[in-house]
Amino acid sequence: MNDKSDCIEVTTTVETRKEADTLARLILEERLAACVQIISCTSHYHWQEKIEHAAECKLVIKTISSLFPQLERFILKNHPYQVPEILAVAVVNCNEAYYAWLKAEVKGYEGQ
């Protein structure tokens, strides 16, 4: 079994589906991820001394840990929020075929 410890999921949220689609497409065009899933959700959070809630779209970005610094800079540059959520979570394991596909699709692997 290959070591898959470099596989991560990065999440961020945006306000609209259009913003989510645009950010996902830009991330994929830069090959900073192999896949971006978009999920509708409602967020509840503290903001400027109030408890707020808003409909949002959550992006779940499948990538590798060595690309996180580039991905983080890219999200910060292209994100509409003043303080965007950018969370990276290590993937404990994944199947061999998915891992091979992920590596083949991101910058820095398989000749990218």
Protein backbone atom coordinates (compact mmCIF):
# COMPACT_ATOMS: atom_id res chain seq x y z
CA MET A 1 0.00 0.00 0.00
CA ASN A 2 1.30 3.45 -0.90
CA ASP A 3 1.65 6.14 1.75
CA LYS A 4 -1.32 8.44 1.22
CA SER A 5 -0.55 10.83 4.07
CA ASP A 6 -0.28 13.76 1.65
CA CYS A 7 -3.96 13.56 0.66
CA ILE A 8 -6.06 16.38 2.21
CA GLU A 9 -9.50 17.97 2.00
CA VAL A 10 -9.65 21.75 2.20
CA THR A 11 -12.93 23.53 2.90
CA THR A 12 -14.10 27.07 2.36
CA THR A 13 -17.52 28.69 2.05
CA VAL A 14 -18.95 31.42 -0.17
CA GLU A 15 -22.32 33.15 -0.30
CA THR A 16 -23.67 32.13 -3.71
CA ARG A 17 -23.62 29.17 -6.05
CA LYS A 18 -22.19 31.40 -8.78
CA GLU A 19 -19.24 32.35 -6.53
CA ALA A 20 -18.76 28.67 -5.63
CA ASP A 21 -18.80 27.56 -9.27
CA THR A 22 -16.35 30.30 -10.25
CA LEU A 23 -13.92 29.57 -7.41
CA ALA A 24 -14.09 25.81 -8.06
CA ARG A 25 -13.37 26.28 -11.76
CA LEU A 26 -10.42 28.61 -11.07
CA ILE A 27 -8.92 26.17 -8.54
CA LEU A 28 -9.23 23.30 -11.02
CA GLU A 29 -7.78 25.36 -13.89
CA GLU A 30 -4.71 26.05 -11.74
CA ARG A 31 -4.47 22.31 -10.95
CA LEU A 32 -4.45 23.09 -7.23
CA ALA A 33 -7.01 20.30 -6.74
CA ALA A 34 -8.30 17.22 -8.51
CA CYS A 35 -11.93 17.71 -7.45
CA VAL A 36 -14.10 20.34 -5.81
CA GLN A 37 -17.49 19.42 -4.40
CA ILE A 38 -20.08 22.14 -3.74
CA ILE A 39 -22.63 21.60 -0.98
CA SER A 40 -25.43 23.98 0.04
CA CYS A 41 -25.52 24.69 3.77
CA THR A 42 -26.55 27.17 6.44
CA SER A 43 -23.79 28.62 8.62
CA HIS A 44 -24.25 30.09 12.10
CA TYR A 45 -21.32 32.16 13.36
CA HIS A 46 -20.06 35.07 15.46
CA TRP A 47 -19.36 38.23 13.43
CA GLN A 48 -18.75 41.74 14.74
CA GLU A 49 -20.24 41.10 18.20
CA LYS A 50 -23.38 39.37 16.85
CA ILE A 51 -24.49 35.85 16.15
CA GLU A 52 -25.29 35.65 12.45
CA HIS A 53 -26.58 32.99 10.07
CA ALA A 54 -26.48 32.77 6.31
CA ALA A 55 -27.10 30.39 3.45
CA GLU A 56 -23.75 29.46 1.94
CA CYS A 57 -22.08 27.04 -0.42
CA LYS A 58 -19.34 24.87 1.05
CA LEU A 59 -16.48 23.88 -1.23
CA VAL A 60 -14.73 20.61 -0.37
CA ILE A 61 -11.43 20.67 -2.23
CA LYS A 62 -9.51 17.39 -2.78
CA THR A 63 -5.76 17.95 -3.06
CA ILE A 64 -2.35 17.15 -1.58
CA SER A 65 -0.70 18.78 1.41
CA SER A 66 2.27 20.19 -0.52
CA LEU A 67 -0.17 22.34 -2.53
CA PHE A 68 -1.89 23.80 0.55
CA PRO A 69 0.25 26.98 0.76
CA GLN A 70 -0.44 27.77 -2.92
CA LEU A 71 -4.11 26.89 -2.56
CA GLU A 72 -4.46 29.04 0.54
CA ARG A 73 -2.87 32.06 -1.21
CA PHE A 74 -5.09 31.46 -4.24
CA ILE A 75 -8.28 31.30 -2.15
CA LEU A 76 -7.34 34.43 -0.22
CA LYS A 77 -6.69 36.30 -3.47
CA ASN A 78 -9.93 35.18 -5.15
CA HIS A 79 -12.34 34.92 -2.21
CA PRO A 80 -15.10 37.52 -1.70
CA TYR A 81 -15.10 37.32 2.14
CA GLN A 82 -13.01 39.54 4.41
CA VAL A 83 -12.12 36.52 6.57
CA PRO A 84 -12.68 33.31 4.59
CA GLU A 85 -12.73 29.87 6.15
CA ILE A 86 -9.79 27.83 4.88
CA LEU A 87 -9.50 24.54 6.76
CA ALA A 88 -7.34 21.58 5.79
CA VAL A 89 -8.08 18.10 7.11
CA ALA A 90 -5.80 15.12 6.61
CA VAL A 91 -7.33 12.12 4.89
CA VAL A 92 -6.52 9.03 6.95
CA ASN A 93 -6.77 6.71 3.96
CA CYS A 94 -8.35 6.35 0.54
CA ASN A 95 -8.54 3.65 -2.10
CA GLU A 96 -5.57 3.16 -4.42
CA ALA A 97 -7.37 4.05 -7.66
CA TYR A 98 -8.73 7.34 -6.28
CA TYR A 99 -5.33 8.28 -4.88
CA ALA A 100 -3.63 7.55 -8.21
CA TRP A 101 -6.23 9.67 -10.03
CA LEU A 102 -5.86 12.55 -7.54
CA LYS A 103 -2.05 12.59 -7.93
CA ALA A 104 -2.36 12.50 -11.72
CA GLU A 105 -4.62 15.55 -11.77
CA VAL A 106 -2.81 18.01 -9.48
CA LYS A 107 0.19 20.23 -10.11
CA GLY A 108 3.46 18.62 -9.04
CA TYR A 109 2.60 14.98 -9.77
CA GLU A 110 2.70 12.87 -12.91
CA GLY A 111 4.42 15.47 -15.04
CA GLN A 112 2.11 18.39 -14.17
